[in-house]
Amino acid sequence: MSSANSPAEHPGVVEFWVDPVCPWCWVTARWMLERVQPATGVSVIWQPISLLFKNQPAPDSDYYPPVAATHRMLRVMEHVRSTDGDDATARLYHRLGSRIHHDRILDADSTAVNLGAELAAVGLDAAYAASADDDTLDVVICERMQKGLDLVGTDVGTPIIALDGPDGSRVGVFGPVITRVPEIEASVELWRAMVTLARTDGFWELKRTRTQRPDFGERPDW
């Protein structure tokens, strides 16, 4: 494992773009939260990327209801951020990710999620739930989303991760896309490798076809 002073472990404040609906993003988010952050002390700001806005699915498609539901969640997250800060936004995202991917709350009726109860479960004011219907929040969602897409291009989805490059400018990557959260040592090695690649001038892509579905592991206690 790398030392605490390794540059790869302190690449400035990390930004991580999420839509609660994305299962791949959820696995990577747990890797960051449960492995990378405790081992390295890196700070993370959880940013919004709306797959409803980015992918623009047809309203009659099967994909539309879940991304419409989580777009409403992103509105709530941004209202929380504006008042209670990034840490509160992180708590809410991780609660919603657990509820969506472990408790499957979108499976039966994606319009029936009690956002007030989810807010209260992480110590936030249930009144924030009304923000789900406030389309004025879409402006800040789009601005924050575009900040991530400007770093990586428009032909990717989520997760997007941004950090400081060697010269202090921001660099971003799509990924890592993983099917399960590695154990601690392997997780830190993956983090260090990702930071190295992201900071390498001229590096663009490593990829192989996915042959496994996400394995969410045990439900976190959030």
C-alpha atoms as a PDB file:
ATOM      1  CA  MET A   1       0.000   0.000   0.000  1.00  0.00           C
ATOM      2  CA  SER A   2       1.281   3.490  -0.756  1.00  0.00           C
ATOM      3  CA  SER A   3       2.482   5.857   1.936  1.00  0.00           C
ATOM      4  CA  ALA A   4       0.233   8.546   3.377  1.00  0.00           C
ATOM      5  CA  ASN A   5       2.261  11.203   1.565  1.00  0.00           C
ATOM      6  CA  SER A   6       1.943   9.642  -1.890  1.00  0.00           C
ATOM      7  CA  PRO A   7       0.850  12.269  -4.467  1.00  0.00           C
ATOM      8  CA  ALA A   8      -1.625   9.733  -5.852  1.00  0.00           C
ATOM      9  CA  GLU A   9      -3.430   9.753  -2.525  1.00  0.00           C
ATOM     10  CA  HIS A  10      -3.668  13.548  -2.305  1.00  0.00           C
ATOM     11  CA  PRO A  11      -4.733  14.760  -5.763  1.00  0.00           C
ATOM     12  CA  GLY A  12      -6.611  17.759  -4.410  1.00  0.00           C
ATOM     13  CA  VAL A  13     -10.333  17.633  -3.787  1.00  0.00           C
ATOM     14  CA  VAL A  14     -11.888  14.860  -5.877  1.00  0.00           C
ATOM     15  CA  GLU A  15     -15.181  15.439  -7.669  1.00  0.00           C
ATOM     16  CA  PHE A  16     -17.397  12.434  -8.382  1.00  0.00           C
ATOM     17  CA  TRP A  17     -20.415  12.798 -10.703  1.00  0.00           C
ATOM     18  CA  VAL A  18     -23.390  10.595  -9.865  1.00  0.00           C
ATOM     19  CA  ASP A  19     -26.942   9.805 -10.803  1.00  0.00           C
ATOM     20  CA  PRO A  20     -28.502   7.624  -8.074  1.00  0.00           C
ATOM     21  CA  VAL A  21     -30.090   5.408 -10.739  1.00  0.00           C
ATOM     22  CA  CYS A  22     -26.810   4.060 -12.158  1.00  0.00           C
ATOM     23  CA  PRO A  23     -25.779   0.645 -10.753  1.00  0.00           C
ATOM     24  CA  TRP A  24     -22.215   0.880 -12.067  1.00  0.00           C
ATOM     25  CA  CYS A  25     -21.814   4.274 -10.477  1.00  0.00           C
ATOM     26  CA  TRP A  26     -23.107   2.879  -7.194  1.00  0.00           C
ATOM     27  CA  VAL A  27     -20.404   0.207  -7.022  1.00  0.00           C
ATOM     28  CA  THR A  28     -17.701   2.771  -7.790  1.00  0.00           C
ATOM     29  CA  ALA A  29     -19.166   5.169  -5.222  1.00  0.00           C
ATOM     30  CA  ARG A  30     -18.964   2.484  -2.535  1.00  0.00           C
ATOM     31  CA  TRP A  31     -15.353   1.814  -3.559  1.00  0.00           C
ATOM     32  CA  MET A  32     -14.599   5.491  -3.078  1.00  0.00           C
ATOM     33  CA  LEU A  33     -16.505   5.884   0.176  1.00  0.00           C
ATOM     34  CA  GLU A  34     -15.680   2.599   1.894  1.00  0.00           C
ATOM     35  CA  ARG A  35     -12.146   1.933   0.647  1.00  0.00           C
ATOM     36  CA  VAL A  36     -10.403   4.916  -0.931  1.00  0.00           C
ATOM     37  CA  GLN A  37     -11.478   7.699   1.423  1.00  0.00           C
ATOM     38  CA  PRO A  38     -10.679   5.868   4.685  1.00  0.00           C
ATOM     39  CA  ALA A  39      -7.289   4.710   3.376  1.00  0.00           C
ATOM     40  CA  THR A  40      -6.146   7.968   1.785  1.00  0.00           C
ATOM     41  CA  GLY A  41      -8.075  10.762   3.471  1.00  0.00           C
ATOM     42  CA  VAL A  42      -9.042  12.229   0.108  1.00  0.00           C
ATOM     43  CA  SER A  43     -11.939  14.699   0.142  1.00  0.00           C
ATOM     44  CA  VAL A  44     -14.812  14.081  -2.285  1.00  0.00           C
ATOM     45  CA  ILE A  45     -17.521  16.381  -3.603  1.00  0.00           C
ATOM     46  CA  TRP A  46     -20.457  14.430  -5.049  1.00  0.00           C
ATOM     47  CA  GLN A  47     -21.670  16.209  -8.166  1.00  0.00           C
ATOM     48  CA  PRO A  48     -24.881  15.649 -10.191  1.00  0.00           C
ATOM     49  CA  ILE A  49     -25.127  14.172 -13.647  1.00  0.00           C
ATOM     50  CA  SER A  50     -28.706  13.764 -14.823  1.00  0.00           C
ATOM     51  CA  LEU A  51     -29.073  10.726 -17.060  1.00  0.00           C
ATOM     52  CA  LEU A  52     -32.559  12.003 -17.862  1.00  0.00           C
ATOM     53  CA  PHE A  53     -31.110  15.150 -19.393  1.00  0.00           C
ATOM     54  CA  LYS A  54     -27.987  13.573 -20.841  1.00  0.00           C
ATOM     55  CA  ASN A  55     -29.582  10.557 -22.530  1.00  0.00           C
ATOM     56  CA  GLN A  56     -33.011  12.103 -23.199  1.00  0.00           C
ATOM     57  CA  PRO A  57     -34.972   8.835 -23.286  1.00  0.00           C
ATOM     58  CA  ALA A  58     -38.392   8.765 -24.897  1.00  0.00           C
ATOM     59  CA  PRO A  59     -41.168   9.186 -22.306  1.00  0.00           C
ATOM     60  CA  ASP A  60     -42.691   5.844 -23.341  1.00  0.00           C
ATOM     61  CA  SER A  61     -39.427   3.900 -22.895  1.00  0.00           C
ATOM     62  CA  ASP A  62     -38.769   1.586 -19.946  1.00  0.00           C
ATOM     63  CA  TYR A  63     -35.716   3.690 -19.110  1.00  0.00           C
ATOM     64  CA  TYR A  64     -37.666   6.908 -18.627  1.00  0.00           C
ATOM     65  CA  PRO A  65     -39.463   6.333 -15.269  1.00  0.00           C
ATOM     66  CA  PRO A  66     -36.361   5.498 -13.196  1.00  0.00           C
ATOM     67  CA  VAL A  67     -34.207   8.313 -14.598  1.00  0.00           C
ATOM     68  CA  ALA A  68     -37.090  10.757 -14.198  1.00  0.00           C
ATOM     69  CA  ALA A  69     -37.418   9.645 -10.578  1.00  0.00           C
ATOM     70  CA  THR A  70     -33.736  10.086  -9.837  1.00  0.00           C
ATOM     71  CA  HIS A  71     -33.638  13.435 -11.620  1.00  0.00           C
ATOM     72  CA  ARG A  72     -36.135  14.588  -9.003  1.00  0.00           C
ATOM     73  CA  MET A  73     -33.751  13.235  -6.364  1.00  0.00           C
ATOM     74  CA  LEU A  74     -30.920  15.275  -7.878  1.00  0.00           C
ATOM     75  CA  ARG A  75     -33.030  18.405  -7.455  1.00  0.00           C
ATOM     76  CA  VAL A  76     -33.420  17.615  -3.773  1.00  0.00           C
ATOM     77  CA  MET A  77     -29.691  16.929  -3.456  1.00  0.00           C
ATOM     78  CA  GLU A  78     -28.874  20.333  -4.946  1.00  0.00           C
ATOM     79  CA  HIS A  79     -31.252  22.134  -2.598  1.00  0.00           C
ATOM     80  CA  VAL A  80     -29.647  20.295   0.312  1.00  0.00           C
ATOM     81  CA  ARG A  81     -26.195  21.301  -0.937  1.00  0.00           C
ATOM     82  CA  SER A  82     -27.154  24.983  -1.190  1.00  0.00           C
ATOM     83  CA  THR A  83     -28.276  25.067   2.443  1.00  0.00           C
ATOM     84  CA  ASP A  84     -26.525  22.279   4.351  1.00  0.00           C
ATOM     85  CA  GLY A  85     -23.387  21.755   2.249  1.00  0.00           C
ATOM     86  CA  ASP A  86     -21.566  18.975   0.452  1.00  0.00           C
ATOM     87  CA  ASP A  87     -21.385  16.553   3.390  1.00  0.00           C
ATOM     88  CA  ALA A  88     -25.168  16.536   3.715  1.00  0.00           C
ATOM     89  CA  THR A  89     -25.479  15.994  -0.035  1.00  0.00           C
ATOM     90  CA  ALA A  90     -23.139  13.010   0.249  1.00  0.00           C
ATOM     91  CA  ARG A  91     -25.195  11.478   3.072  1.00  0.00           C
ATOM     92  CA  LEU A  92     -28.367  11.783   1.033  1.00  0.00           C
ATOM     93  CA  TYR A  93     -26.823  10.300  -2.119  1.00  0.00           C
ATOM     94  CA  HIS A  94     -25.488   7.297  -0.243  1.00  0.00           C
ATOM     95  CA  ARG A  95     -28.842   6.763   1.438  1.00  0.00           C
ATOM     96  CA  LEU A  96     -30.668   6.914  -1.906  1.00  0.00           C
ATOM     97  CA  GLY A  97     -28.141   4.589  -3.546  1.00  0.00           C
ATOM     98  CA  SER A  98     -28.696   2.012  -0.821  1.00  0.00           C
ATOM     99  CA  ARG A  99     -32.452   2.276  -1.113  1.00  0.00           C
ATOM    100  CA  ILE A 100     -32.440   2.022  -4.920  1.00  0.00           C
ATOM    101  CA  HIS A 101     -29.893  -0.737  -5.462  1.00  0.00           C
ATOM    102  CA  HIS A 102     -30.317  -2.849  -2.320  1.00  0.00           C
ATOM    103  CA  ASP A 103     -33.916  -2.207  -1.277  1.00  0.00           C
ATOM    104  CA  ARG A 104     -35.128  -1.815  -4.903  1.00  0.00           C
ATOM    105  CA  ILE A 105     -37.476   1.072  -4.137  1.00  0.00           C
ATOM    106  CA  LEU A 106     -37.829   2.028  -7.810  1.00  0.00           C
ATOM    107  CA  ASP A 107     -38.923  -1.424  -8.957  1.00  0.00           C
ATOM    108  CA  ALA A 108     -42.615  -1.276  -8.081  1.00  0.00           C
ATOM    109  CA  ASP A 109     -43.512   2.380  -8.645  1.00  0.00           C
ATOM    110  CA  SER A 110     -40.767   4.919  -9.240  1.00  0.00           C
ATOM    111  CA  THR A 111     -43.199   7.762  -8.541  1.00  0.00           C
ATOM    112  CA  ALA A 112     -44.043   6.526  -5.039  1.00  0.00           C
ATOM    113  CA  VAL A 113     -40.687   7.072  -3.309  1.00  0.00           C
ATOM    114  CA  ASN A 114     -41.128   8.943  -0.020  1.00  0.00           C
ATOM    115  CA  LEU A 115     -38.277  11.430  -0.283  1.00  0.00           C
ATOM    116  CA  GLY A 116     -39.233  13.059   2.999  1.00  0.00           C
ATOM    117  CA  ALA A 117     -38.628   9.782   4.812  1.00  0.00           C
ATOM    118  CA  GLU A 118     -35.283   9.298   3.069  1.00  0.00           C
ATOM    119  CA  LEU A 119     -34.183  12.798   4.073  1.00  0.00           C
ATOM    120  CA  ALA A 120     -35.229  12.248   7.665  1.00  0.00           C
ATOM    121  CA  ALA A 121     -33.321   8.954   7.755  1.00  0.00           C
ATOM    122  CA  VAL A 122     -30.040  10.860   7.310  1.00  0.00           C
ATOM    123  CA  GLY A 123     -30.923  13.691   9.673  1.00  0.00           C
ATOM    124  CA  LEU A 124     -32.122  16.202   7.082  1.00  0.00           C
ATOM    125  CA  ASP A 125     -35.307  18.248   7.001  1.00  0.00           C
ATOM    126  CA  ALA A 126     -38.075  16.285   5.286  1.00  0.00           C
ATOM    127  CA  ALA A 127     -39.357  19.576   3.847  1.00  0.00           C
ATOM    128  CA  TYR A 128     -36.539  19.433   1.290  1.00  0.00           C
ATOM    129  CA  ALA A 129     -38.638  16.808  -0.519  1.00  0.00           C
ATOM    130  CA  ALA A 130     -40.718  19.582  -2.076  1.00  0.00           C
ATOM    131  CA  SER A 131     -37.633  20.533  -4.105  1.00  0.00           C
ATOM    132  CA  ALA A 132     -38.193  17.454  -6.268  1.00  0.00           C
ATOM    133  CA  ASP A 133     -40.793  19.450  -8.207  1.00  0.00           C
ATOM    134  CA  ASP A 134     -38.733  22.649  -8.467  1.00  0.00           C
ATOM    135  CA  ASP A 135     -37.497  22.804 -12.048  1.00  0.00           C
ATOM    136  CA  THR A 136     -35.509  25.982 -11.357  1.00  0.00           C
ATOM    137  CA  LEU A 137     -32.927  23.676  -9.766  1.00  0.00           C
ATOM    138  CA  ASP A 138     -32.317  22.163 -13.209  1.00  0.00           C
ATOM    139  CA  VAL A 139     -30.109  25.146 -14.038  1.00  0.00           C
ATOM    140  CA  VAL A 140     -27.537  24.305 -11.376  1.00  0.00           C
ATOM    141  CA  ILE A 141     -27.785  20.582 -12.159  1.00  0.00           C
ATOM    142  CA  CYS A 142     -26.973  21.287 -15.806  1.00  0.00           C
ATOM    143  CA  GLU A 143     -24.131  23.653 -14.896  1.00  0.00           C
ATOM    144  CA  ARG A 144     -22.526  21.133 -12.563  1.00  0.00           C
ATOM    145  CA  MET A 145     -23.073  18.290 -15.018  1.00  0.00           C
ATOM    146  CA  GLN A 146     -21.484  20.267 -17.838  1.00  0.00           C
ATOM    147  CA  LYS A 147     -18.423  20.906 -15.687  1.00  0.00           C
ATOM    148  CA  GLY A 148     -17.812  17.156 -15.607  1.00  0.00           C
ATOM    149  CA  LEU A 149     -18.605  16.576 -19.275  1.00  0.00           C
ATOM    150  CA  ASP A 150     -16.215  19.354 -20.257  1.00  0.00           C
ATOM    151  CA  LEU A 151     -13.423  17.282 -18.696  1.00  0.00           C
ATOM    152  CA  VAL A 152     -14.252  13.923 -20.296  1.00  0.00           C
ATOM    153  CA  GLY A 153     -16.457  14.515 -23.346  1.00  0.00           C
ATOM    154  CA  THR A 154     -20.089  13.762 -24.051  1.00  0.00           C
ATOM    155  CA  ASP A 155     -19.772  10.115 -25.135  1.00  0.00           C
ATOM    156  CA  VAL A 156     -19.639   8.802 -21.556  1.00  0.00           C
ATOM    157  CA  GLY A 157     -22.039   8.517 -18.659  1.00  0.00           C
ATOM    158  CA  THR A 158     -21.301   8.004 -14.989  1.00  0.00           C
ATOM    159  CA  PRO A 159     -19.167   7.628 -12.941  1.00  0.00           C
ATOM    160  CA  ILE A 160     -16.990  10.605 -13.814  1.00  0.00           C
ATOM    161  CA  ILE A 161     -14.122  11.453 -11.469  1.00  0.00           C
ATOM    162  CA  ALA A 162     -12.049  14.651 -11.564  1.00  0.00           C
ATOM    163  CA  LEU A 163      -8.857  15.530  -9.691  1.00  0.00           C
ATOM    164  CA  ASP A 164      -5.826  17.794  -9.893  1.00  0.00           C
ATOM    165  CA  GLY A 165      -3.390  17.107 -12.707  1.00  0.00           C
ATOM    166  CA  PRO A 166       0.397  17.470 -12.401  1.00  0.00           C
ATOM    167  CA  ASP A 167       0.233  21.189 -13.213  1.00  0.00           C
ATOM    168  CA  GLY A 168      -2.730  21.855 -10.925  1.00  0.00           C
ATOM    169  CA  SER A 169      -5.342  21.970 -13.683  1.00  0.00           C
ATOM    170  CA  ARG A 170      -8.320  19.652 -13.390  1.00  0.00           C
ATOM    171  CA  VAL A 171      -8.336  16.335 -15.240  1.00  0.00           C
ATOM    172  CA  GLY A 172     -11.208  13.891 -15.468  1.00  0.00           C
ATOM    173  CA  VAL A 173     -11.921  10.296 -16.414  1.00  0.00           C
ATOM    174  CA  PHE A 174     -14.967   8.124 -16.952  1.00  0.00           C
ATOM    175  CA  GLY A 175     -14.707   5.259 -14.496  1.00  0.00           C
ATOM    176  CA  PRO A 176     -13.412   3.124 -13.046  1.00  0.00           C
ATOM    177  CA  VAL A 177     -16.228   0.762 -13.978  1.00  0.00           C
ATOM    178  CA  ILE A 178     -16.055  -2.202 -11.596  1.00  0.00           C
ATOM    179  CA  THR A 179     -18.459  -5.033 -10.867  1.00  0.00           C
ATOM    180  CA  ARG A 180     -17.611  -5.296  -7.166  1.00  0.00           C
ATOM    181  CA  VAL A 181     -15.724  -3.363  -4.501  1.00  0.00           C
ATOM    182  CA  PRO A 182     -12.193  -4.784  -4.147  1.00  0.00           C
ATOM    183  CA  GLU A 183     -10.608  -5.462  -0.783  1.00  0.00           C
ATOM    184  CA  ILE A 184      -8.733  -2.580   0.798  1.00  0.00           C
ATOM    185  CA  GLU A 185      -5.241  -3.129  -0.622  1.00  0.00           C
ATOM    186  CA  ALA A 186      -6.532  -3.817  -4.131  1.00  0.00           C
ATOM    187  CA  SER A 187      -8.827  -0.783  -3.873  1.00  0.00           C
ATOM    188  CA  VAL A 188      -5.952   1.545  -3.019  1.00  0.00           C
ATOM    189  CA  GLU A 189      -3.838   0.053  -5.814  1.00  0.00           C
ATOM    190  CA  LEU A 190      -6.715   0.682  -8.227  1.00  0.00           C
ATOM    191  CA  TRP A 191      -7.012   4.261  -6.991  1.00  0.00           C
ATOM    192  CA  ARG A 192      -3.300   4.937  -7.420  1.00  0.00           C
ATOM    193  CA  ALA A 193      -3.355   3.434 -10.923  1.00  0.00           C
ATOM    194  CA  MET A 194      -6.385   5.500 -11.896  1.00  0.00           C
ATOM    195  CA  VAL A 195      -4.775   8.713 -10.660  1.00  0.00           C
ATOM    196  CA  THR A 196      -1.580   7.897 -12.569  1.00  0.00           C
ATOM    197  CA  LEU A 197      -3.476   7.262 -15.802  1.00  0.00           C
ATOM    198  CA  ALA A 198      -5.670  10.338 -15.404  1.00  0.00           C
ATOM    199  CA  ARG A 199      -2.581  12.499 -14.956  1.00  0.00           C
ATOM    200  CA  THR A 200      -0.676  11.022 -17.909  1.00  0.00           C
ATOM    201  CA  ASP A 201      -0.514  13.445 -20.820  1.00  0.00           C
ATOM    202  CA  GLY A 202      -1.851  11.762 -23.962  1.00  0.00           C
ATOM    203  CA  PHE A 203      -3.680   8.935 -22.160  1.00  0.00           C
ATOM    204  CA  TRP A 204      -7.286   8.473 -23.273  1.00  0.00           C
ATOM    205  CA  GLU A 205      -8.766   5.040 -22.781  1.00  0.00           C
ATOM    206  CA  LEU A 206      -8.514   1.477 -21.512  1.00  0.00           C
ATOM    207  CA  LYS A 207     -11.575  -0.695 -22.025  1.00  0.00           C
ATOM    208  CA  ARG A 208     -12.883  -4.228 -22.332  1.00  0.00           C
ATOM    209  CA  THR A 209     -16.381  -5.623 -22.807  1.00  0.00           C
ATOM    210  CA  ARG A 210     -18.281  -6.213 -19.572  1.00  0.00           C
ATOM    211  CA  THR A 211     -19.307  -9.841 -19.048  1.00  0.00           C
ATOM    212  CA  GLN A 212     -20.633  -9.492 -15.486  1.00  0.00           C
ATOM    213  CA  ARG A 213     -23.396  -7.545 -13.827  1.00  0.00           C
ATOM    214  CA  PRO A 214     -22.743  -5.316 -10.816  1.00  0.00           C
ATOM    215  CA  ASP A 215     -22.410  -7.143  -7.506  1.00  0.00           C
ATOM    216  CA  PHE A 216     -23.576  -4.700  -4.843  1.00  0.00           C
ATOM    217  CA  GLY A 217     -22.416  -6.800  -1.900  1.00  0.00           C
ATOM    218  CA  GLU A 218     -23.981  -6.421   1.519  1.00  0.00           C
ATOM    219  CA  ARG A 219     -26.293  -3.495   2.057  1.00  0.00           C
ATOM    220  CA  PRO A 220     -24.456  -0.627   3.783  1.00  0.00           C
ATOM    221  CA  ASP A 221     -25.931   0.695   7.013  1.00  0.00           C
ATOM    222  CA  TRP A 222     -26.982   4.095   5.639  1.00  0.00           C
END
